[in-house]
N, C-alpha and C. Protein backbone atom coordinates (compact mmCIF):
# COMPACT_ATOMS: atom_id res chain seq x y z
N MET A 1 16.20 63.63 26.31
CA MET A 1 15.24 62.64 25.82
C MET A 1 14.47 62.04 26.99
N MET A 2 13.17 61.94 26.82
CA MET A 2 12.34 61.26 27.82
C MET A 2 11.92 59.90 27.27
N ARG A 3 11.99 58.88 28.12
CA ARG A 3 11.40 57.57 27.82
C ARG A 3 10.06 57.50 28.54
N LEU A 4 9.02 57.25 27.79
CA LEU A 4 7.68 57.14 28.37
C LEU A 4 7.19 55.71 28.19
N ILE A 5 7.04 55.01 29.30
CA ILE A 5 6.59 53.62 29.30
C ILE A 5 5.12 53.60 29.69
N LEU A 6 4.25 53.38 28.71
CA LEU A 6 2.82 53.30 28.98
C LEU A 6 2.45 51.85 29.30
N VAL A 7 1.89 51.63 30.47
CA VAL A 7 1.52 50.29 30.92
C VAL A 7 0.02 50.23 31.10
N ARG A 8 -0.62 49.30 30.41
CA ARG A 8 -2.04 49.10 30.66
C ARG A 8 -2.22 48.31 31.96
N HIS A 9 -3.25 48.63 32.70
CA HIS A 9 -3.57 47.92 33.94
C HIS A 9 -3.82 46.44 33.69
N GLY A 10 -3.87 45.64 34.75
CA GLY A 10 -4.20 44.23 34.66
C GLY A 10 -5.68 44.01 34.42
N GLU A 11 -6.04 42.74 34.22
CA GLU A 11 -7.45 42.41 34.00
C GLU A 11 -8.30 42.96 35.13
N SER A 12 -9.41 43.59 34.76
CA SER A 12 -10.23 44.28 35.76
C SER A 12 -11.61 43.65 35.88
N LYS A 13 -12.22 43.87 37.02
CA LYS A 13 -13.56 43.34 37.26
C LYS A 13 -14.57 43.99 36.32
N HIS A 14 -14.38 45.24 36.01
CA HIS A 14 -15.36 45.90 35.13
C HIS A 14 -15.31 45.32 33.72
N GLY A 15 -14.12 44.88 33.29
CA GLY A 15 -14.01 44.27 31.98
C GLY A 15 -14.68 42.91 31.93
N VAL A 16 -14.54 42.14 32.99
CA VAL A 16 -15.13 40.81 33.06
C VAL A 16 -16.65 40.91 33.22
N GLU A 17 -17.09 41.84 34.07
CA GLU A 17 -18.51 41.99 34.35
C GLU A 17 -19.23 42.89 33.35
N LYS A 18 -18.45 43.54 32.49
CA LYS A 18 -18.98 44.34 31.38
C LYS A 18 -19.84 45.51 31.84
N PHE A 19 -19.24 46.33 32.70
CA PHE A 19 -19.91 47.57 33.06
C PHE A 19 -18.97 48.75 32.86
N ILE A 20 -19.53 49.93 32.83
CA ILE A 20 -18.78 51.16 32.60
C ILE A 20 -18.17 51.59 33.92
N ALA A 21 -16.88 51.83 33.93
CA ALA A 21 -16.24 52.06 35.23
C ALA A 21 -15.14 53.12 35.14
N HIS A 22 -15.37 54.16 35.90
CA HIS A 22 -14.35 55.19 36.12
C HIS A 22 -14.21 55.27 37.64
N ALA A 23 -14.92 56.15 38.27
CA ALA A 23 -14.94 56.16 39.74
C ALA A 23 -15.56 54.89 40.29
N ALA A 24 -16.42 54.25 39.51
CA ALA A 24 -17.12 53.04 39.95
C ALA A 24 -16.28 51.77 39.79
N CYS A 25 -15.04 51.90 39.39
CA CYS A 25 -14.18 50.73 39.17
C CYS A 25 -14.03 49.91 40.45
N LYS A 26 -14.10 48.58 40.33
CA LYS A 26 -13.94 47.67 41.46
C LYS A 26 -12.52 47.10 41.55
N GLY A 27 -11.64 47.51 40.67
CA GLY A 27 -10.26 47.05 40.74
C GLY A 27 -9.97 45.81 39.92
N LEU A 28 -8.87 45.16 40.24
CA LEU A 28 -8.39 44.02 39.49
C LEU A 28 -9.08 42.72 39.89
N THR A 29 -9.17 41.81 38.93
CA THR A 29 -9.54 40.44 39.25
C THR A 29 -8.33 39.73 39.86
N GLU A 30 -8.52 38.52 40.36
CA GLU A 30 -7.38 37.75 40.86
C GLU A 30 -6.36 37.51 39.75
N ARG A 31 -6.87 37.25 38.56
CA ARG A 31 -5.97 37.08 37.42
C ARG A 31 -5.22 38.37 37.13
N GLY A 32 -5.90 39.50 37.25
CA GLY A 32 -5.26 40.78 37.02
C GLY A 32 -4.14 41.05 38.00
N VAL A 33 -4.33 40.63 39.24
CA VAL A 33 -3.26 40.79 40.26
C VAL A 33 -2.06 39.94 39.87
N ARG A 34 -2.30 38.72 39.43
CA ARG A 34 -1.19 37.86 39.00
C ARG A 34 -0.46 38.45 37.80
N GLN A 35 -1.22 39.01 36.88
CA GLN A 35 -0.60 39.65 35.72
C GLN A 35 0.29 40.81 36.15
N ALA A 36 -0.22 41.61 37.08
CA ALA A 36 0.56 42.76 37.56
C ALA A 36 1.82 42.32 38.30
N GLU A 37 1.74 41.22 39.02
CA GLU A 37 2.92 40.70 39.70
C GLU A 37 3.99 40.27 38.70
N ARG A 38 3.57 39.58 37.64
CA ARG A 38 4.53 39.16 36.60
C ARG A 38 5.17 40.39 35.96
N LEU A 39 4.34 41.38 35.65
CA LEU A 39 4.86 42.61 35.07
C LEU A 39 5.86 43.28 36.00
N ALA A 40 5.50 43.39 37.27
CA ALA A 40 6.36 44.09 38.23
C ALA A 40 7.71 43.42 38.38
N GLN A 41 7.72 42.09 38.37
CA GLN A 41 9.00 41.37 38.45
C GLN A 41 9.87 41.69 37.25
N ARG A 42 9.24 41.80 36.09
CA ARG A 42 10.00 42.15 34.88
C ARG A 42 10.49 43.60 34.94
N VAL A 43 9.61 44.50 35.36
CA VAL A 43 9.97 45.91 35.45
C VAL A 43 11.15 46.12 36.40
N LYS A 44 11.15 45.39 37.50
CA LYS A 44 12.25 45.52 38.47
C LYS A 44 13.59 45.19 37.83
N THR A 45 13.59 44.26 36.88
CA THR A 45 14.82 43.87 36.20
C THR A 45 15.17 44.81 35.05
N GLU A 46 14.17 45.15 34.23
CA GLU A 46 14.43 45.88 33.00
C GLU A 46 14.35 47.40 33.15
N LEU A 47 13.56 47.88 34.11
CA LEU A 47 13.34 49.32 34.23
C LEU A 47 13.66 49.82 35.63
N ALA A 48 14.71 49.27 36.20
CA ALA A 48 15.12 49.70 37.54
C ALA A 48 15.57 51.15 37.56
N ASP A 49 15.86 51.71 36.37
CA ASP A 49 16.29 53.11 36.28
C ASP A 49 15.11 54.07 36.22
N CYS A 50 13.91 53.55 36.43
CA CYS A 50 12.71 54.41 36.39
C CYS A 50 12.86 55.59 37.35
N ASP A 51 12.61 56.79 36.84
CA ASP A 51 12.68 57.99 37.67
C ASP A 51 11.34 58.36 38.28
N VAL A 52 10.27 58.09 37.54
CA VAL A 52 8.94 58.53 37.96
C VAL A 52 7.93 57.42 37.66
N LEU A 53 7.06 57.16 38.64
CA LEU A 53 5.96 56.20 38.45
C LEU A 53 4.65 56.95 38.58
N LEU A 54 3.91 57.03 37.47
CA LEU A 54 2.63 57.71 37.43
C LEU A 54 1.50 56.69 37.36
N SER A 55 0.34 57.09 37.83
CA SER A 55 -0.86 56.25 37.69
C SER A 55 -2.08 57.13 37.78
N THR A 56 -3.17 56.67 37.16
CA THR A 56 -4.44 57.31 37.43
C THR A 56 -4.95 56.82 38.79
N SER A 57 -5.95 57.50 39.32
CA SER A 57 -6.53 57.07 40.59
C SER A 57 -7.63 56.03 40.38
N VAL A 58 -7.96 55.72 39.14
CA VAL A 58 -8.95 54.68 38.86
C VAL A 58 -8.42 53.37 39.44
N LYS A 59 -9.27 52.66 40.15
CA LYS A 59 -8.81 51.57 41.02
C LYS A 59 -8.01 50.51 40.28
N ARG A 60 -8.41 50.12 39.08
CA ARG A 60 -7.69 49.06 38.36
C ARG A 60 -6.26 49.49 38.00
N ALA A 61 -6.09 50.75 37.66
CA ALA A 61 -4.75 51.25 37.34
C ALA A 61 -3.93 51.44 38.61
N TYR A 62 -4.56 51.98 39.64
CA TYR A 62 -3.81 52.25 40.88
C TYR A 62 -3.36 50.95 41.54
N GLU A 63 -4.20 49.92 41.51
CA GLU A 63 -3.78 48.64 42.09
C GLU A 63 -2.60 48.04 41.31
N THR A 64 -2.63 48.17 39.99
CA THR A 64 -1.51 47.71 39.18
C THR A 64 -0.25 48.48 39.52
N ALA A 65 -0.37 49.80 39.62
CA ALA A 65 0.79 50.65 39.94
C ALA A 65 1.32 50.35 41.34
N SER A 66 0.43 50.01 42.27
CA SER A 66 0.87 49.72 43.64
C SER A 66 1.77 48.49 43.68
N ILE A 67 1.46 47.50 42.85
CA ILE A 67 2.28 46.29 42.79
C ILE A 67 3.64 46.62 42.19
N ILE A 68 3.66 47.44 41.16
CA ILE A 68 4.93 47.88 40.58
C ILE A 68 5.72 48.69 41.58
N SER A 69 5.04 49.58 42.28
CA SER A 69 5.69 50.44 43.26
C SER A 69 6.41 49.64 44.34
N ALA A 70 5.77 48.55 44.78
CA ALA A 70 6.37 47.72 45.82
C ALA A 70 7.66 47.07 45.34
N HIS A 71 7.72 46.72 44.05
CA HIS A 71 8.92 46.08 43.51
C HIS A 71 10.03 47.09 43.21
N LEU A 72 9.65 48.29 42.81
CA LEU A 72 10.64 49.32 42.47
C LEU A 72 11.02 50.19 43.66
N ASN A 73 10.23 50.10 44.75
CA ASN A 73 10.41 51.01 45.88
C ASN A 73 10.34 52.47 45.41
N LYS A 74 9.34 52.72 44.57
CA LYS A 74 9.15 54.04 43.98
C LYS A 74 7.74 54.53 44.29
N PRO A 75 7.57 55.75 44.81
CA PRO A 75 6.22 56.24 45.12
C PRO A 75 5.39 56.48 43.87
N ILE A 76 4.09 56.40 44.02
CA ILE A 76 3.17 56.64 42.92
C ILE A 76 2.75 58.11 42.92
N GLN A 77 2.83 58.74 41.75
CA GLN A 77 2.31 60.08 41.57
C GLN A 77 1.02 59.98 40.75
N ILE A 78 -0.06 60.54 41.26
CA ILE A 78 -1.35 60.46 40.58
C ILE A 78 -1.44 61.51 39.47
N ASN A 79 -1.87 61.04 38.29
CA ASN A 79 -2.16 61.94 37.18
C ASN A 79 -3.43 61.44 36.50
N ASP A 80 -4.55 62.05 36.84
CA ASP A 80 -5.83 61.57 36.32
C ASP A 80 -6.11 62.04 34.90
N ASP A 81 -5.20 62.80 34.31
CA ASP A 81 -5.34 63.12 32.90
C ASP A 81 -4.93 61.95 32.01
N LEU A 82 -4.42 60.87 32.62
CA LEU A 82 -4.04 59.66 31.88
C LEU A 82 -5.19 58.66 31.76
N THR A 83 -6.38 59.02 32.19
CA THR A 83 -7.51 58.08 32.22
C THR A 83 -8.12 57.88 30.84
N GLU A 84 -9.08 56.94 30.80
CA GLU A 84 -9.93 56.76 29.63
C GLU A 84 -10.80 58.00 29.43
N GLN A 85 -11.56 58.01 28.33
CA GLN A 85 -12.57 59.03 28.11
C GLN A 85 -13.57 58.98 29.27
N ARG A 86 -13.83 60.10 29.90
CA ARG A 86 -14.67 60.13 31.10
C ARG A 86 -16.13 59.90 30.74
N PRO A 87 -16.79 58.92 31.40
CA PRO A 87 -18.11 58.48 30.94
C PRO A 87 -19.28 59.34 31.39
N GLY A 88 -19.12 60.08 32.48
CA GLY A 88 -20.24 60.89 32.96
C GLY A 88 -21.21 60.12 33.84
N ASP A 89 -22.50 60.41 33.71
CA ASP A 89 -23.50 59.90 34.64
C ASP A 89 -23.71 58.39 34.58
N VAL A 90 -23.25 57.74 33.53
CA VAL A 90 -23.46 56.29 33.39
C VAL A 90 -22.35 55.48 34.07
N ASP A 91 -21.46 56.14 34.77
CA ASP A 91 -20.39 55.44 35.48
C ASP A 91 -21.01 54.40 36.42
N GLY A 92 -20.62 53.14 36.26
CA GLY A 92 -21.17 52.06 37.07
C GLY A 92 -22.29 51.27 36.40
N MET A 93 -22.78 51.75 35.26
CA MET A 93 -23.90 51.09 34.58
C MET A 93 -23.40 49.93 33.73
N LEU A 94 -24.16 48.82 33.70
CA LEU A 94 -23.85 47.72 32.81
C LEU A 94 -23.99 48.19 31.36
N TRP A 95 -23.14 47.66 30.48
CA TRP A 95 -23.23 48.03 29.07
C TRP A 95 -24.57 47.62 28.47
N THR A 96 -25.14 46.51 28.92
CA THR A 96 -26.45 46.12 28.41
C THR A 96 -27.51 47.16 28.79
N GLN A 97 -27.43 47.68 30.01
CA GLN A 97 -28.36 48.71 30.45
C GLN A 97 -28.14 50.01 29.66
N TYR A 98 -26.87 50.31 29.40
CA TYR A 98 -26.57 51.52 28.64
C TYR A 98 -27.20 51.45 27.25
N ARG A 99 -27.04 50.31 26.56
CA ARG A 99 -27.57 50.20 25.21
C ARG A 99 -29.10 50.24 25.20
N GLU A 100 -29.72 49.69 26.26
CA GLU A 100 -31.18 49.75 26.36
C GLU A 100 -31.66 51.20 26.51
N LYS A 101 -30.89 52.00 27.24
CA LYS A 101 -31.32 53.37 27.52
C LYS A 101 -30.88 54.36 26.44
N TYR A 102 -29.65 54.20 25.95
CA TYR A 102 -29.09 55.20 25.04
C TYR A 102 -28.87 54.69 23.62
N GLY A 103 -28.93 53.37 23.41
CA GLY A 103 -28.62 52.84 22.09
C GLY A 103 -27.11 52.68 21.92
N SER A 104 -26.68 52.52 20.67
CA SER A 104 -25.25 52.36 20.40
C SER A 104 -24.53 53.71 20.51
N PHE A 105 -23.22 53.64 20.68
CA PHE A 105 -22.44 54.88 20.82
C PHE A 105 -21.19 54.78 19.96
N ASP A 106 -21.01 55.73 19.06
CA ASP A 106 -19.83 55.79 18.20
C ASP A 106 -19.18 57.15 18.37
N PRO A 107 -18.16 57.24 19.23
CA PRO A 107 -17.56 58.55 19.51
C PRO A 107 -16.88 59.16 18.30
N ILE A 108 -16.40 58.33 17.38
CA ILE A 108 -15.71 58.88 16.21
C ILE A 108 -16.72 59.46 15.22
N ALA A 109 -17.87 58.79 15.07
CA ALA A 109 -18.92 59.32 14.21
C ALA A 109 -19.60 60.55 14.82
N ASN A 110 -19.59 60.61 16.16
CA ASN A 110 -20.24 61.73 16.88
C ASN A 110 -19.24 62.32 17.88
N PRO A 111 -18.20 62.97 17.40
CA PRO A 111 -17.08 63.38 18.26
C PRO A 111 -17.40 64.46 19.28
N ASP A 112 -18.55 65.11 19.13
CA ASP A 112 -18.92 66.16 20.09
C ASP A 112 -20.07 65.73 21.00
N THR A 113 -20.35 64.42 21.01
CA THR A 113 -21.40 63.88 21.87
C THR A 113 -20.77 63.03 22.96
N PRO A 114 -21.03 63.33 24.23
CA PRO A 114 -20.46 62.50 25.31
C PRO A 114 -21.19 61.16 25.42
N LEU A 115 -20.56 60.23 26.11
CA LEU A 115 -21.20 58.93 26.35
C LEU A 115 -22.51 59.11 27.11
N SER A 116 -22.56 60.07 28.00
CA SER A 116 -23.76 60.38 28.76
C SER A 116 -23.63 61.79 29.32
N PRO A 117 -24.69 62.35 29.89
CA PRO A 117 -24.58 63.68 30.49
C PRO A 117 -23.42 63.77 31.47
N ASN A 118 -22.72 64.90 31.41
CA ASN A 118 -21.55 65.19 32.25
C ASN A 118 -20.33 64.35 31.88
N GLY A 119 -20.38 63.68 30.73
CA GLY A 119 -19.24 62.93 30.23
C GLY A 119 -18.37 63.79 29.33
N GLU A 120 -17.30 63.18 28.87
CA GLU A 120 -16.32 63.85 28.02
C GLU A 120 -16.55 63.43 26.57
N THR A 121 -16.53 64.38 25.65
CA THR A 121 -16.67 64.05 24.25
C THR A 121 -15.34 63.51 23.70
N TRP A 122 -15.42 62.88 22.54
CA TRP A 122 -14.22 62.36 21.89
C TRP A 122 -13.24 63.49 21.58
N ASN A 123 -13.75 64.62 21.07
CA ASN A 123 -12.86 65.73 20.76
C ASN A 123 -12.20 66.29 22.02
N GLN A 124 -12.94 66.34 23.11
CA GLN A 124 -12.34 66.79 24.38
C GLN A 124 -11.27 65.81 24.85
N TYR A 125 -11.52 64.53 24.66
CA TYR A 125 -10.55 63.51 25.07
C TYR A 125 -9.28 63.60 24.23
N ILE A 126 -9.43 63.73 22.92
CA ILE A 126 -8.27 63.87 22.05
C ILE A 126 -7.42 65.06 22.48
N GLN A 127 -8.07 66.18 22.77
CA GLN A 127 -7.34 67.37 23.19
C GLN A 127 -6.64 67.14 24.52
N ARG A 128 -7.30 66.44 25.43
CA ARG A 128 -6.68 66.16 26.74
C ARG A 128 -5.42 65.32 26.58
N VAL A 129 -5.50 64.27 25.77
CA VAL A 129 -4.32 63.42 25.58
C VAL A 129 -3.19 64.20 24.93
N ARG A 130 -3.52 65.05 23.97
CA ARG A 130 -2.50 65.88 23.32
C ARG A 130 -1.78 66.76 24.36
N ILE A 131 -2.54 67.38 25.22
CA ILE A 131 -1.95 68.25 26.25
C ILE A 131 -1.09 67.44 27.22
N VAL A 132 -1.58 66.26 27.62
CA VAL A 132 -0.84 65.41 28.55
C VAL A 132 0.51 65.02 27.97
N LEU A 133 0.53 64.58 26.72
CA LEU A 133 1.79 64.17 26.10
C LEU A 133 2.78 65.33 26.05
N ASN A 134 2.29 66.49 25.69
CA ASN A 134 3.17 67.67 25.67
C ASN A 134 3.69 68.01 27.06
N ASN A 135 2.80 67.94 28.05
CA ASN A 135 3.21 68.27 29.42
C ASN A 135 4.22 67.26 29.97
N LEU A 136 4.02 65.99 29.65
CA LEU A 136 4.97 64.98 30.12
C LEU A 136 6.36 65.23 29.53
N GLU A 137 6.40 65.55 28.24
CA GLU A 137 7.70 65.83 27.62
C GLU A 137 8.39 67.01 28.30
N GLN A 138 7.64 68.07 28.58
CA GLN A 138 8.22 69.26 29.19
C GLN A 138 8.63 69.03 30.64
N THR A 139 7.86 68.23 31.35
CA THR A 139 8.08 68.05 32.79
C THR A 139 9.18 67.05 33.09
N TYR A 140 9.31 66.02 32.27
CA TYR A 140 10.21 64.91 32.60
C TYR A 140 11.32 64.70 31.58
N GLN A 141 11.88 65.80 31.12
CA GLN A 141 12.99 65.70 30.17
C GLN A 141 14.14 64.91 30.79
N ASP A 142 14.75 64.05 29.97
CA ASP A 142 15.91 63.25 30.38
C ASP A 142 15.58 62.27 31.51
N GLN A 143 14.31 61.88 31.62
CA GLN A 143 13.92 60.92 32.64
C GLN A 143 13.18 59.74 32.01
N THR A 144 13.14 58.65 32.77
CA THR A 144 12.36 57.48 32.38
C THR A 144 11.09 57.45 33.22
N VAL A 145 9.96 57.48 32.55
CA VAL A 145 8.66 57.59 33.21
C VAL A 145 7.83 56.35 32.90
N ILE A 146 7.34 55.70 33.94
CA ILE A 146 6.35 54.63 33.78
C ILE A 146 4.99 55.21 34.14
N ALA A 147 4.05 55.09 33.21
CA ALA A 147 2.70 55.61 33.45
C ALA A 147 1.70 54.47 33.33
N VAL A 148 1.10 54.08 34.44
CA VAL A 148 0.10 53.00 34.43
C VAL A 148 -1.25 53.63 34.10
N ASN A 149 -1.81 53.20 32.98
CA ASN A 149 -3.04 53.86 32.54
C ASN A 149 -3.97 52.87 31.85
N HIS A 150 -4.58 53.28 30.74
CA HIS A 150 -5.71 52.56 30.18
C HIS A 150 -5.56 52.41 28.67
N ALA A 151 -6.27 51.43 28.11
CA ALA A 151 -6.14 51.14 26.68
C ALA A 151 -6.46 52.35 25.82
N GLY A 152 -7.52 53.07 26.20
CA GLY A 152 -7.93 54.22 25.39
C GLY A 152 -6.84 55.26 25.26
N PHE A 153 -6.15 55.55 26.34
CA PHE A 153 -5.08 56.55 26.29
C PHE A 153 -3.96 56.07 25.36
N ILE A 154 -3.62 54.79 25.46
CA ILE A 154 -2.55 54.25 24.61
C ILE A 154 -2.94 54.34 23.14
N VAL A 155 -4.18 53.97 22.81
CA VAL A 155 -4.65 54.03 21.44
C VAL A 155 -4.63 55.46 20.91
N VAL A 156 -5.12 56.40 21.70
CA VAL A 156 -5.17 57.79 21.25
C VAL A 156 -3.76 58.36 21.08
N SER A 157 -2.82 57.91 21.90
CA SER A 157 -1.44 58.39 21.71
C SER A 157 -0.94 58.01 20.32
N PHE A 158 -1.31 56.81 19.84
CA PHE A 158 -0.93 56.41 18.48
C PHE A 158 -1.58 57.31 17.44
N LEU A 159 -2.87 57.53 17.58
CA LEU A 159 -3.59 58.35 16.61
C LEU A 159 -2.99 59.75 16.51
N LEU A 160 -2.64 60.32 17.65
CA LEU A 160 -2.09 61.67 17.67
C LEU A 160 -0.65 61.71 17.16
N LEU A 161 0.20 60.83 17.68
CA LEU A 161 1.62 60.93 17.36
C LEU A 161 1.94 60.46 15.95
N PHE A 162 1.09 59.61 15.38
CA PHE A 162 1.27 59.22 13.98
C PHE A 162 0.34 60.01 13.05
N ASP A 163 -0.39 60.96 13.63
CA ASP A 163 -1.31 61.79 12.85
C ASP A 163 -2.22 60.92 11.98
N ALA A 164 -2.77 59.88 12.62
CA ALA A 164 -3.61 58.92 11.90
C ALA A 164 -5.06 59.41 11.87
N PRO A 165 -5.80 59.07 10.81
CA PRO A 165 -7.22 59.45 10.75
C PRO A 165 -8.01 58.71 11.83
N PHE A 166 -8.97 59.39 12.40
CA PHE A 166 -9.79 58.79 13.45
C PHE A 166 -10.95 58.05 12.80
N SER A 167 -10.77 56.76 12.58
CA SER A 167 -11.78 55.96 11.90
C SER A 167 -12.02 54.67 12.66
N SER A 168 -13.27 54.29 12.80
CA SER A 168 -13.61 53.02 13.45
C SER A 168 -13.82 51.90 12.43
N LYS A 169 -13.55 52.18 11.15
CA LYS A 169 -13.82 51.22 10.10
C LYS A 169 -12.54 50.61 9.53
N ARG A 170 -11.41 50.85 10.17
CA ARG A 170 -10.15 50.32 9.67
C ARG A 170 -9.54 49.39 10.73
N GLY A 171 -8.22 49.26 10.70
CA GLY A 171 -7.56 48.41 11.69
C GLY A 171 -7.79 48.92 13.10
N TRP A 172 -7.69 48.01 14.06
CA TRP A 172 -8.01 48.33 15.45
C TRP A 172 -6.83 48.02 16.35
N LEU A 173 -6.49 48.93 17.23
CA LEU A 173 -5.47 48.72 18.25
C LEU A 173 -6.16 48.31 19.54
N ASN A 174 -5.65 47.27 20.19
CA ASN A 174 -6.23 46.83 21.45
C ASN A 174 -5.12 46.28 22.34
N PRO A 175 -4.40 47.14 23.04
CA PRO A 175 -3.28 46.66 23.87
C PRO A 175 -3.76 45.71 24.96
N ASP A 176 -2.97 44.65 25.19
CA ASP A 176 -3.33 43.63 26.16
C ASP A 176 -3.14 44.13 27.59
N TYR A 177 -3.75 43.42 28.53
CA TYR A 177 -3.57 43.74 29.94
C TYR A 177 -2.08 43.65 30.32
N THR A 178 -1.63 44.61 31.05
CA THR A 178 -0.24 44.79 31.56
C THR A 178 0.79 44.85 30.44
N SER A 179 0.35 45.17 29.22
CA SER A 179 1.31 45.32 28.13
C SER A 179 2.12 46.61 28.29
N ILE A 180 3.29 46.59 27.70
CA ILE A 180 4.19 47.74 27.71
C ILE A 180 4.24 48.36 26.33
N THR A 181 4.01 49.66 26.27
CA THR A 181 4.21 50.44 25.05
C THR A 181 5.22 51.53 25.39
N GLU A 182 6.28 51.62 24.61
CA GLU A 182 7.36 52.56 24.95
C GLU A 182 7.58 53.58 23.84
N TRP A 183 7.54 54.84 24.26
CA TRP A 183 7.89 55.96 23.38
C TRP A 183 9.16 56.62 23.92
N GLN A 184 9.90 57.23 23.02
CA GLN A 184 10.94 58.17 23.45
C GLN A 184 10.73 59.46 22.67
N VAL A 185 11.04 60.56 23.32
CA VAL A 185 10.80 61.86 22.68
C VAL A 185 11.94 62.80 22.99
N SER A 186 12.35 63.52 21.96
CA SER A 186 13.37 64.55 22.09
C SER A 186 13.04 65.66 21.11
N ASP A 187 12.98 66.90 21.63
CA ASP A 187 12.64 68.06 20.79
C ASP A 187 11.32 67.83 20.04
N SER A 188 10.36 67.25 20.74
CA SER A 188 9.00 67.03 20.23
C SER A 188 8.94 66.05 19.07
N VAL A 189 10.00 65.28 18.88
CA VAL A 189 9.99 64.20 17.88
C VAL A 189 9.83 62.89 18.64
N TRP A 190 8.70 62.22 18.40
CA TRP A 190 8.37 61.00 19.12
C TRP A 190 8.73 59.77 18.30
N GLN A 191 9.30 58.78 18.97
CA GLN A 191 9.66 57.52 18.32
C GLN A 191 9.08 56.37 19.13
N LEU A 192 8.41 55.45 18.44
CA LEU A 192 7.86 54.26 19.08
C LEU A 192 8.93 53.19 19.14
N ASN A 193 9.25 52.73 20.34
CA ASN A 193 10.25 51.67 20.51
C ASN A 193 9.64 50.29 20.62
N ARG A 194 8.44 50.19 21.19
CA ARG A 194 7.75 48.90 21.27
C ARG A 194 6.28 49.14 21.59
N TYR A 195 5.46 48.16 21.17
CA TYR A 195 4.03 48.25 21.41
C TYR A 195 3.51 46.88 21.85
N ASN A 196 2.64 46.88 22.84
CA ASN A 196 1.94 45.67 23.29
C ASN A 196 2.92 44.54 23.67
N ASP A 197 3.98 44.91 24.35
CA ASP A 197 4.99 43.95 24.77
C ASP A 197 4.51 43.22 26.02
N THR A 198 4.24 41.92 25.88
CA THR A 198 3.79 41.10 27.00
C THR A 198 4.70 39.89 27.18
N THR A 199 5.97 40.04 26.91
CA THR A 199 6.89 38.89 27.01
C THR A 199 7.07 38.41 28.45
N HIS A 200 6.57 39.17 29.43
CA HIS A 200 6.63 38.67 30.82
C HIS A 200 5.69 37.48 31.04
N PHE A 201 4.85 37.18 30.06
CA PHE A 201 3.97 36.01 30.17
C PHE A 201 4.55 34.78 29.49
N LEU A 202 5.69 34.92 28.83
CA LEU A 202 6.29 33.78 28.13
C LEU A 202 6.98 32.85 29.09
């Protein structure tokens, strides 16, 4: 059995400043650093048995993982397949500028259209997350894995593992900054143990 602990990064500058950020990410805000510190203190107590610490190289996730790494004394392994949907040429653009140039964007209504040229389509993203989940199960059997990543990946994991319809007109999942979502998997049967756990802020 593998335990997969999905951790969303702390509050980021791109979220506050409202711009599209992949490679253009400026990292965590001061509040985001404090959030990551609180999380790391909790992880050191509750998940000291962590075998593997993964992170994307996107700055907001990597900075969060670095704080966890310092508390666990565990090296970070980069896995960029854990990122959000890749935006393409608009990386670094303000959302207001994006809407002025491209209009609104609904990836679920237009699953084969990328956010911008050289970006990833929704269908490509869904397939990537599916492959990542399968690869993690095969690679880290009988291990506890912490993966610092992004809200989009966490949401898509729900859609895939619960075989939920991809609709933007129903309920919405929005995991909080530094929240913990935990899955366990054995023989390709996935079980959700917790979602959006932020009790380190209590």
